[in-house]
Amino acid sequence: MVNQLYELIMAMDLKEIEKYIKEAMPDALIEIQDLAGDGNHYSAIITSSQFSGKSKIEQHKMVYNSLQGKMGNELHALAIKTKEK
């Protein structure tokens, strides 16, 4: 019961993840997969011209920043792959 309640509170829908990233990077092409089917473990491939000239670390920080503090809270795990457009 407690685990189910925790998952309901903590789970984040992949459309919501996409919405946050799109707000920060309107030109982004985003592919998201729910890795475990639990709404907590996702993989995302994000392609954006905003990544141009930035290191992978900077690109990943841009994605994490776009999630506005949801990472580690509502969103438990997100594997990120970034590409320049």
PDB file of N, CA and C in Angstrom:
ATOM      1  N   MET A   1       0.820  -1.199   0.000  1.00  0.00           N
ATOM      2  CA  MET A   1       0.000   0.000   0.000  1.00  0.00           C
ATOM      3  C   MET A   1       0.865   1.265   0.000  1.00  0.00           C
ATOM      4  N   VAL A   2       1.853   1.313   0.885  1.00  0.00           N
ATOM      5  CA  VAL A   2       2.733   2.470   0.969  1.00  0.00           C
ATOM      6  C   VAL A   2       3.512   2.627  -0.337  1.00  0.00           C
ATOM      7  N   ASN A   3       4.013   1.519  -0.888  1.00  0.00           N
ATOM      8  CA  ASN A   3       4.755   1.585  -2.148  1.00  0.00           C
ATOM      9  C   ASN A   3       3.880   2.097  -3.280  1.00  0.00           C
ATOM     10  N   GLN A   4       2.629   1.659  -3.343  1.00  0.00           N
ATOM     11  CA  GLN A   4       1.713   2.122  -4.389  1.00  0.00           C
ATOM     12  C   GLN A   4       1.439   3.614  -4.242  1.00  0.00           C
ATOM     13  N   LEU A   5       1.237   4.068  -3.030  1.00  0.00           N
ATOM     14  CA  LEU A   5       1.004   5.478  -2.773  1.00  0.00           C
ATOM     15  C   LEU A   5       2.229   6.295  -3.164  1.00  0.00           C
ATOM     16  N   TYR A   6       3.422   5.808  -2.795  1.00  0.00           N
ATOM     17  CA  TYR A   6       4.678   6.475  -3.144  1.00  0.00           C
ATOM     18  C   TYR A   6       4.815   6.614  -4.654  1.00  0.00           C
ATOM     19  N   GLU A   7       4.503   5.532  -5.397  1.00  0.00           N
ATOM     20  CA  GLU A   7       4.609   5.569  -6.851  1.00  0.00           C
ATOM     21  C   GLU A   7       3.628   6.559  -7.453  1.00  0.00           C
ATOM     22  N   LEU A   8       2.425   6.671  -6.904  1.00  0.00           N
ATOM     23  CA  LEU A   8       1.454   7.634  -7.413  1.00  0.00           C
ATOM     24  C   LEU A   8       1.920   9.069  -7.188  1.00  0.00           C
ATOM     25  N   ILE A   9       2.484   9.327  -6.031  1.00  0.00           N
ATOM     26  CA  ILE A   9       2.966  10.665  -5.702  1.00  0.00           C
ATOM     27  C   ILE A   9       4.217  11.004  -6.512  1.00  0.00           C
ATOM     28  N   MET A  10       5.118  10.058  -6.643  1.00  0.00           N
ATOM     29  CA  MET A  10       6.412  10.317  -7.245  1.00  0.00           C
ATOM     30  C   MET A  10       6.432  10.187  -8.764  1.00  0.00           C
ATOM     31  N   ALA A  11       5.519   9.444  -9.347  1.00  0.00           N
ATOM     32  CA  ALA A  11       5.563   9.172 -10.780  1.00  0.00           C
ATOM     33  C   ALA A  11       5.336  10.439 -11.593  1.00  0.00           C
ATOM     34  N   MET A  12       6.030  10.506 -12.732  1.00  0.00           N
ATOM     35  CA  MET A  12       5.905  11.631 -13.645  1.00  0.00           C
ATOM     36  C   MET A  12       5.632  11.070 -15.034  1.00  0.00           C
ATOM     37  N   ASP A  13       4.596  11.547 -15.674  1.00  0.00           N
ATOM     38  CA  ASP A  13       4.194  11.095 -16.995  1.00  0.00           C
ATOM     39  C   ASP A  13       5.200  11.558 -18.055  1.00  0.00           C
ATOM     40  N   LEU A  14       5.457  10.731 -19.048  1.00  0.00           N
ATOM     41  CA  LEU A  14       6.439  11.101 -20.065  1.00  0.00           C
ATOM     42  C   LEU A  14       5.999  12.305 -20.866  1.00  0.00           C
ATOM     43  N   LYS A  15       4.709  12.545 -21.016  1.00  0.00           N
ATOM     44  CA  LYS A  15       4.228  13.755 -21.707  1.00  0.00           C
ATOM     45  C   LYS A  15       4.576  15.002 -20.893  1.00  0.00           C
ATOM     46  N   GLU A  16       4.563  14.865 -19.582  1.00  0.00           N
ATOM     47  CA  GLU A  16       4.927  15.982 -18.716  1.00  0.00           C
ATOM     48  C   GLU A  16       6.428  16.284 -18.840  1.00  0.00           C
ATOM     49  N   ILE A  17       7.236  15.246 -18.915  1.00  0.00           N
ATOM     50  CA  ILE A  17       8.679  15.426 -19.114  1.00  0.00           C
ATOM     51  C   ILE A  17       8.918  16.162 -20.430  1.00  0.00           C
ATOM     52  N   GLU A  18       8.252  15.700 -21.478  1.00  0.00           N
ATOM     53  CA  GLU A  18       8.386  16.321 -22.799  1.00  0.00           C
ATOM     54  C   GLU A  18       7.962  17.790 -22.753  1.00  0.00           C
ATOM     55  N   LYS A  19       6.886  18.093 -22.050  1.00  0.00           N
ATOM     56  CA  LYS A  19       6.381  19.467 -21.940  1.00  0.00           C
ATOM     57  C   LYS A  19       7.431  20.390 -21.315  1.00  0.00           C
ATOM     58  N   TYR A  20       8.041  19.942 -20.228  1.00  0.00           N
ATOM     59  CA  TYR A  20       9.062  20.761 -19.568  1.00  0.00           C
ATOM     60  C   TYR A  20      10.263  21.011 -20.476  1.00  0.00           C
ATOM     61  N   ILE A  21      10.716  19.979 -21.157  1.00  0.00           N
ATOM     62  CA  ILE A  21      11.877  20.130 -22.046  1.00  0.00           C
ATOM     63  C   ILE A  21      11.529  21.056 -23.209  1.00  0.00           C
ATOM     64  N   LYS A  22      10.337  20.884 -23.793  1.00  0.00           N
ATOM     65  CA  LYS A  22       9.902  21.727 -24.918  1.00  0.00           C
ATOM     66  C   LYS A  22       9.773  23.190 -24.518  1.00  0.00           C
ATOM     67  N   GLU A  23       9.335  23.453 -23.291  1.00  0.00           N
ATOM     68  CA  GLU A  23       9.232  24.833 -22.822  1.00  0.00           C
ATOM     69  C   GLU A  23      10.600  25.502 -22.786  1.00  0.00           C
ATOM     70  N   ALA A  24      11.612  24.754 -22.397  1.00  0.00           N
ATOM     71  CA  ALA A  24      12.969  25.293 -22.301  1.00  0.00           C
ATOM     72  C   ALA A  24      13.689  25.297 -23.650  1.00  0.00           C
ATOM     73  N   MET A  25      13.362  24.313 -24.493  1.00  0.00           N
ATOM     74  CA  MET A  25      14.007  24.160 -25.799  1.00  0.00           C
ATOM     75  C   MET A  25      12.942  23.901 -26.866  1.00  0.00           C
ATOM     76  N   PRO A  26      12.283  24.960 -27.334  1.00  0.00           N
ATOM     77  CA  PRO A  26      11.157  24.785 -28.265  1.00  0.00           C
ATOM     78  C   PRO A  26      11.483  24.018 -29.549  1.00  0.00           C
ATOM     79  N   ASP A  27      12.734  24.060 -29.995  1.00  0.00           N
ATOM     80  CA  ASP A  27      13.079  23.366 -31.244  1.00  0.00           C
ATOM     81  C   ASP A  27      13.462  21.896 -31.036  1.00  0.00           C
ATOM     82  N   ALA A  28      13.409  21.435 -29.796  1.00  0.00           N
ATOM     83  CA  ALA A  28      13.879  20.084 -29.464  1.00  0.00           C
ATOM     84  C   ALA A  28      13.012  18.993 -30.090  1.00  0.00           C
ATOM     85  N   LEU A  29      13.696  17.979 -30.591  1.00  0.00           N
ATOM     86  CA  LEU A  29      13.064  16.725 -30.984  1.00  0.00           C
ATOM     87  C   LEU A  29      13.309  15.791 -29.814  1.00  0.00           C
ATOM     88  N   ILE A  30      12.247  15.195 -29.276  1.00  0.00           N
ATOM     89  CA  ILE A  30      12.357  14.428 -28.042  1.00  0.00           C
ATOM     90  C   ILE A  30      11.764  13.039 -28.228  1.00  0.00           C
ATOM     91  N   GLU A  31      12.560  12.030 -27.861  1.00  0.00           N
ATOM     92  CA  GLU A  31      12.094  10.648 -27.846  1.00  0.00           C
ATOM     93  C   GLU A  31      12.254  10.143 -26.417  1.00  0.00           C
ATOM     94  N   ILE A  32      11.156   9.741 -25.796  1.00  0.00           N
ATOM     95  CA  ILE A  32      11.211   9.270 -24.412  1.00  0.00           C
ATOM     96  C   ILE A  32      10.633   7.864 -24.338  1.00  0.00           C
ATOM     97  N   GLN A  33      11.310   7.010 -23.566  1.00  0.00           N
ATOM     98  CA  GLN A  33      10.840   5.650 -23.326  1.00  0.00           C
ATOM     99  C   GLN A  33      10.732   5.414 -21.825  1.00  0.00           C
ATOM    100  N   ASP A  34       9.654   4.752 -21.424  1.00  0.00           N
ATOM    101  CA  ASP A  34       9.496   4.314 -20.038  1.00  0.00           C
ATOM    102  C   ASP A  34      10.204   2.958 -19.944  1.00  0.00           C
ATOM    103  N   LEU A  35      11.361   2.923 -19.319  1.00  0.00           N
ATOM    104  CA  LEU A  35      12.209   1.731 -19.321  1.00  0.00           C
ATOM    105  C   LEU A  35      11.653   0.563 -18.519  1.00  0.00           C
ATOM    106  N   ALA A  36      10.966   0.853 -17.423  1.00  0.00           N
ATOM    107  CA  ALA A  36      10.498  -0.221 -16.539  1.00  0.00           C
ATOM    108  C   ALA A  36       8.975  -0.330 -16.504  1.00  0.00           C
ATOM    109  N   GLY A  37       8.278   0.573 -17.189  1.00  0.00           N
ATOM    110  CA  GLY A  37       6.824   0.553 -17.174  1.00  0.00           C
ATOM    111  C   GLY A  37       6.232   1.019 -15.857  1.00  0.00           C
ATOM    112  N   ASP A  38       7.041   1.719 -15.049  1.00  0.00           N
ATOM    113  CA  ASP A  38       6.575   2.136 -13.727  1.00  0.00           C
ATOM    114  C   ASP A  38       6.409   3.649 -13.577  1.00  0.00           C
ATOM    115  N   GLY A  39       6.647   4.386 -14.664  1.00  0.00           N
ATOM    116  CA  GLY A  39       6.531   5.835 -14.584  1.00  0.00           C
ATOM    117  C   GLY A  39       7.631   6.495 -13.776  1.00  0.00           C
ATOM    118  N   ASN A  40       8.700   5.784 -13.504  1.00  0.00           N
ATOM    119  CA  ASN A  40       9.804   6.315 -12.702  1.00  0.00           C
ATOM    120  C   ASN A  40      11.166   6.212 -13.367  1.00  0.00           C
ATOM    121  N   HIS A  41      11.295   5.370 -14.380  1.00  0.00           N
ATOM    122  CA  HIS A  41      12.596   5.134 -15.022  1.00  0.00           C
ATOM    123  C   HIS A  41      12.470   5.355 -16.524  1.00  0.00           C
ATOM    124  N   TYR A  42      13.030   6.469 -16.987  1.00  0.00           N
ATOM    125  CA  TYR A  42      12.892   6.849 -18.381  1.00  0.00           C
ATOM    126  C   TYR A  42      14.255   6.979 -19.062  1.00  0.00           C
ATOM    127  N   SER A  43      14.199   6.908 -20.376  1.00  0.00           N
ATOM    128  CA  SER A  43      15.343   7.188 -21.229  1.00  0.00           C
ATOM    129  C   SER A  43      14.883   8.236 -22.230  1.00  0.00           C
ATOM    130  N   ALA A  44      15.717   9.238 -22.483  1.00  0.00           N
ATOM    131  CA  ALA A  44      15.335  10.296 -23.419  1.00  0.00           C
ATOM    132  C   ALA A  44      16.478  10.614 -24.372  1.00  0.00           C
ATOM    133  N   ILE A  45      16.113  10.804 -25.630  1.00  0.00           N
ATOM    134  CA  ILE A  45      17.045  11.311 -26.639  1.00  0.00           C
ATOM    135  C   ILE A  45      16.503  12.681 -27.032  1.00  0.00           C
ATOM    136  N   ILE A  46      17.326  13.705 -26.822  1.00  0.00           N
ATOM    137  CA  ILE A  46      16.910  15.070 -27.103  1.00  0.00           C
ATOM    138  C   ILE A  46      17.858  15.669 -28.126  1.00  0.00           C
ATOM    139  N   THR A  47      17.287  16.178 -29.215  1.00  0.00           N
ATOM    140  CA  THR A  47      18.060  16.824 -30.272  1.00  0.00           C
ATOM    141  C   THR A  47      17.632  18.285 -30.330  1.00  0.00           C
ATOM    142  N   SER A  48      18.615  19.191 -30.209  1.00  0.00           N
ATOM    143  CA  SER A  48      18.293  20.617 -30.210  1.00  0.00           C
ATOM    144  C   SER A  48      19.467  21.433 -30.741  1.00  0.00           C
ATOM    145  N   SER A  49      19.156  22.512 -31.436  1.00  0.00           N
ATOM    146  CA  SER A  49      20.207  23.426 -31.910  1.00  0.00           C
ATOM    147  C   SER A  49      20.832  24.166 -30.725  1.00  0.00           C
ATOM    148  N   GLN A  50      20.139  24.231 -29.595  1.00  0.00           N
ATOM    149  CA  GLN A  50      20.675  24.912 -28.417  1.00  0.00           C
ATOM    150  C   GLN A  50      21.882  24.187 -27.818  1.00  0.00           C
ATOM    151  N   PHE A  51      22.103  22.945 -28.211  1.00  0.00           N
ATOM    152  CA  PHE A  51      23.255  22.195 -27.718  1.00  0.00           C
ATOM    153  C   PHE A  51      24.540  22.535 -28.474  1.00  0.00           C
ATOM    154  N   SER A  52      24.406  23.236 -29.584  1.00  0.00           N
ATOM    155  CA  SER A  52      25.552  23.555 -30.434  1.00  0.00           C
ATOM    156  C   SER A  52      26.642  24.285 -29.654  1.00  0.00           C
ATOM    157  N   GLY A  53      27.867  23.761 -29.746  1.00  0.00           N
ATOM    158  CA  GLY A  53      29.018  24.375 -29.091  1.00  0.00           C
ATOM    159  C   GLY A  53      29.125  24.097 -27.605  1.00  0.00           C
ATOM    160  N   LYS A  54      28.228  23.292 -27.070  1.00  0.00           N
ATOM    161  CA  LYS A  54      28.255  22.991 -25.646  1.00  0.00           C
ATOM    162  C   LYS A  54      28.771  21.575 -25.409  1.00  0.00           C
ATOM    163  N   SER A  55      29.437  21.377 -24.271  1.00  0.00           N
ATOM    164  CA  SER A  55      29.920  20.045 -23.907  1.00  0.00           C
ATOM    165  C   SER A  55      28.727  19.165 -23.539  1.00  0.00           C
ATOM    166  N   LYS A  56      28.944  17.850 -23.491  1.00  0.00           N
ATOM    167  CA  LYS A  56      27.873  16.923 -23.097  1.00  0.00           C
ATOM    168  C   LYS A  56      27.365  17.243 -21.685  1.00  0.00           C
ATOM    169  N   ILE A  57      28.269  17.606 -20.800  1.00  0.00           N
ATOM    170  CA  ILE A  57      27.875  17.956 -19.431  1.00  0.00           C
ATOM    171  C   ILE A  57      26.958  19.178 -19.446  1.00  0.00           C
ATOM    172  N   GLU A  58      27.326  20.207 -20.223  1.00  0.00           N
ATOM    173  CA  GLU A  58      26.491  21.399 -20.320  1.00  0.00           C
ATOM    174  C   GLU A  58      25.126  21.071 -20.933  1.00  0.00           C
ATOM    175  N   GLN A  59      25.119  20.196 -21.936  1.00  0.00           N
ATOM    176  CA  GLN A  59      23.874  19.792 -22.582  1.00  0.00           C
ATOM    177  C   GLN A  59      22.962  19.072 -21.597  1.00  0.00           C
ATOM    178  N   HIS A  60      23.537  18.162 -20.820  1.00  0.00           N
ATOM    179  CA  HIS A  60      22.750  17.414 -19.847  1.00  0.00           C
ATOM    180  C   HIS A  60      22.228  18.339 -18.749  1.00  0.00           C
ATOM    181  N   LYS A  61      23.035  19.309 -18.325  1.00  0.00           N
ATOM    182  CA  LYS A  61      22.586  20.283 -17.333  1.00  0.00           C
ATOM    183  C   LYS A  61      21.407  21.084 -17.863  1.00  0.00           C
ATOM    184  N   MET A  62      21.433  21.405 -19.155  1.00  0.00           N
ATOM    185  CA  MET A  62      20.315  22.133 -19.758  1.00  0.00           C
ATOM    186  C   MET A  62      19.026  21.324 -19.647  1.00  0.00           C
ATOM    187  N   VAL A  63      19.133  20.021 -19.898  1.00  0.00           N
ATOM    188  CA  VAL A  63      17.959  19.150 -19.805  1.00  0.00           C
ATOM    189  C   VAL A  63      17.487  19.072 -18.354  1.00  0.00           C
ATOM    190  N   TYR A  64      18.409  18.823 -17.422  1.00  0.00           N
ATOM    191  CA  TYR A  64      18.025  18.741 -16.014  1.00  0.00           C
ATOM    192  C   TYR A  64      17.407  20.056 -15.538  1.00  0.00           C
ATOM    193  N   ASN A  65      17.981  21.179 -15.942  1.00  0.00           N
ATOM    194  CA  ASN A  65      17.437  22.483 -15.555  1.00  0.00           C
ATOM    195  C   ASN A  65      16.029  22.685 -16.102  1.00  0.00           C
ATOM    196  N   SER A  66      15.776  22.165 -17.307  1.00  0.00           N
ATOM    197  CA  SER A  66      14.445  22.314 -17.911  1.00  0.00           C
ATOM    198  C   SER A  66      13.375  21.591 -17.086  1.00  0.00           C
ATOM    199  N   LEU A  67      13.781  20.613 -16.300  1.00  0.00           N
ATOM    200  CA  LEU A  67      12.826  19.831 -15.496  1.00  0.00           C
ATOM    201  C   LEU A  67      12.451  20.523 -14.187  1.00  0.00           C
ATOM    202  N   GLN A  68      13.008  21.697 -13.948  1.00  0.00           N
ATOM    203  CA  GLN A  68      12.629  22.576 -12.844  1.00  0.00           C
ATOM    204  C   GLN A  68      12.552  21.883 -11.479  1.00  0.00           C
ATOM    205  N   GLY A  69      13.574  21.118 -11.156  1.00  0.00           N
ATOM    206  CA  GLY A  69      13.637  20.489  -9.837  1.00  0.00           C
ATOM    207  C   GLY A  69      12.847  19.198  -9.698  1.00  0.00           C
ATOM    208  N   LYS A  70      12.269  18.718 -10.783  1.00  0.00           N
ATOM    209  CA  LYS A  70      11.479  17.474 -10.723  1.00  0.00           C
ATOM    210  C   LYS A  70      12.384  16.245 -10.623  1.00  0.00           C
ATOM    211  N   MET A  71      13.615  16.341 -11.149  1.00  0.00           N
ATOM    212  CA  MET A  71      14.549  15.219 -11.123  1.00  0.00           C
ATOM    213  C   MET A  71      14.891  14.884  -9.684  1.00  0.00           C
ATOM    214  N   GLY A  72      14.726  13.617  -9.324  1.00  0.00           N
ATOM    215  CA  GLY A  72      14.992  13.183  -7.957  1.00  0.00           C
ATOM    216  C   GLY A  72      13.782  13.300  -7.052  1.00  0.00           C
ATOM    217  N   ASN A  73      12.747  13.960  -7.534  1.00  0.00           N
ATOM    218  CA  ASN A  73      11.494  14.084  -6.785  1.00  0.00           C
ATOM    219  C   ASN A  73      10.407  13.310  -7.524  1.00  0.00           C
ATOM    220  N   GLU A  74       9.624  14.006  -8.353  1.00  0.00           N
ATOM    221  CA  GLU A  74       8.599  13.312  -9.132  1.00  0.00           C
ATOM    222  C   GLU A  74       9.205  12.377 -10.171  1.00  0.00           C
ATOM    223  N   LEU A  75      10.389  12.739 -10.650  1.00  0.00           N
ATOM    224  CA  LEU A  75      11.076  11.932 -11.661  1.00  0.00           C
ATOM    225  C   LEU A  75      12.269  11.249 -11.013  1.00  0.00           C
ATOM    226  N   HIS A  76      12.198   9.927 -10.921  1.00  0.00           N
ATOM    227  CA  HIS A  76      13.218   9.177 -10.200  1.00  0.00           C
ATOM    228  C   HIS A  76      14.493   9.006 -11.019  1.00  0.00           C
ATOM    229  N   ALA A  77      14.381   8.566 -12.274  1.00  0.00           N
ATOM    230  CA  ALA A  77      15.572   8.289 -13.079  1.00  0.00           C
ATOM    231  C   ALA A  77      15.319   8.643 -14.537  1.00  0.00           C
ATOM    232  N   LEU A  78      16.286   9.354 -15.132  1.00  0.00           N
ATOM    233  CA  LEU A  78      16.209   9.726 -16.540  1.00  0.00           C
ATOM    234  C   LEU A  78      17.591   9.581 -17.161  1.00  0.00           C
ATOM    235  N   ALA A  79      17.729   8.601 -18.050  1.00  0.00           N
ATOM    236  CA  ALA A  79      18.970   8.445 -18.816  1.00  0.00           C
ATOM    237  C   ALA A  79      18.861   9.383 -20.016  1.00  0.00           C
ATOM    238  N   ILE A  80      19.866  10.230 -20.199  1.00  0.00           N
ATOM    239  CA  ILE A  80      19.804  11.257 -21.246  1.00  0.00           C
ATOM    240  C   ILE A  80      20.863  11.027 -22.304  1.00  0.00           C
ATOM    241  N   LYS A  81      20.431  11.176 -23.553  1.00  0.00           N
ATOM    242  CA  LYS A  81      21.350  11.229 -24.679  1.00  0.00           C
ATOM    243  C   LYS A  81      20.997  12.513 -25.443  1.00  0.00           C
ATOM    244  N   THR A  82      21.988  13.368 -25.657  1.00  0.00           N
ATOM    245  CA  THR A  82      21.728  14.637 -26.352  1.00  0.00           C
ATOM    246  C   THR A  82      22.445  14.656 -27.688  1.00  0.00           C
ATOM    247  N   LYS A  83      21.842  15.364 -28.642  1.00  0.00           N
ATOM    248  CA  LYS A  83      22.415  15.503 -29.977  1.00  0.00           C
ATOM    249  C   LYS A  83      22.215  16.932 -30.440  1.00  0.00           C
ATOM    250  N   GLU A  84      23.192  17.441 -31.196  1.00  0.00           N
ATOM    251  CA  GLU A  84      23.051  18.761 -31.795  1.00  0.00           C
ATOM    252  C   GLU A  84      22.232  18.647 -33.070  1.00  0.00           C
ATOM    253  N   LYS A  85      21.381  19.623 -33.305  1.00  0.00           N
ATOM    254  CA  LYS A  85      20.544  19.665 -34.500  1.00  0.00           C
ATOM    255  C   LYS A  85      21.325  20.249 -35.651  1.00  0.00           C
TER     256      LYS A  85
END
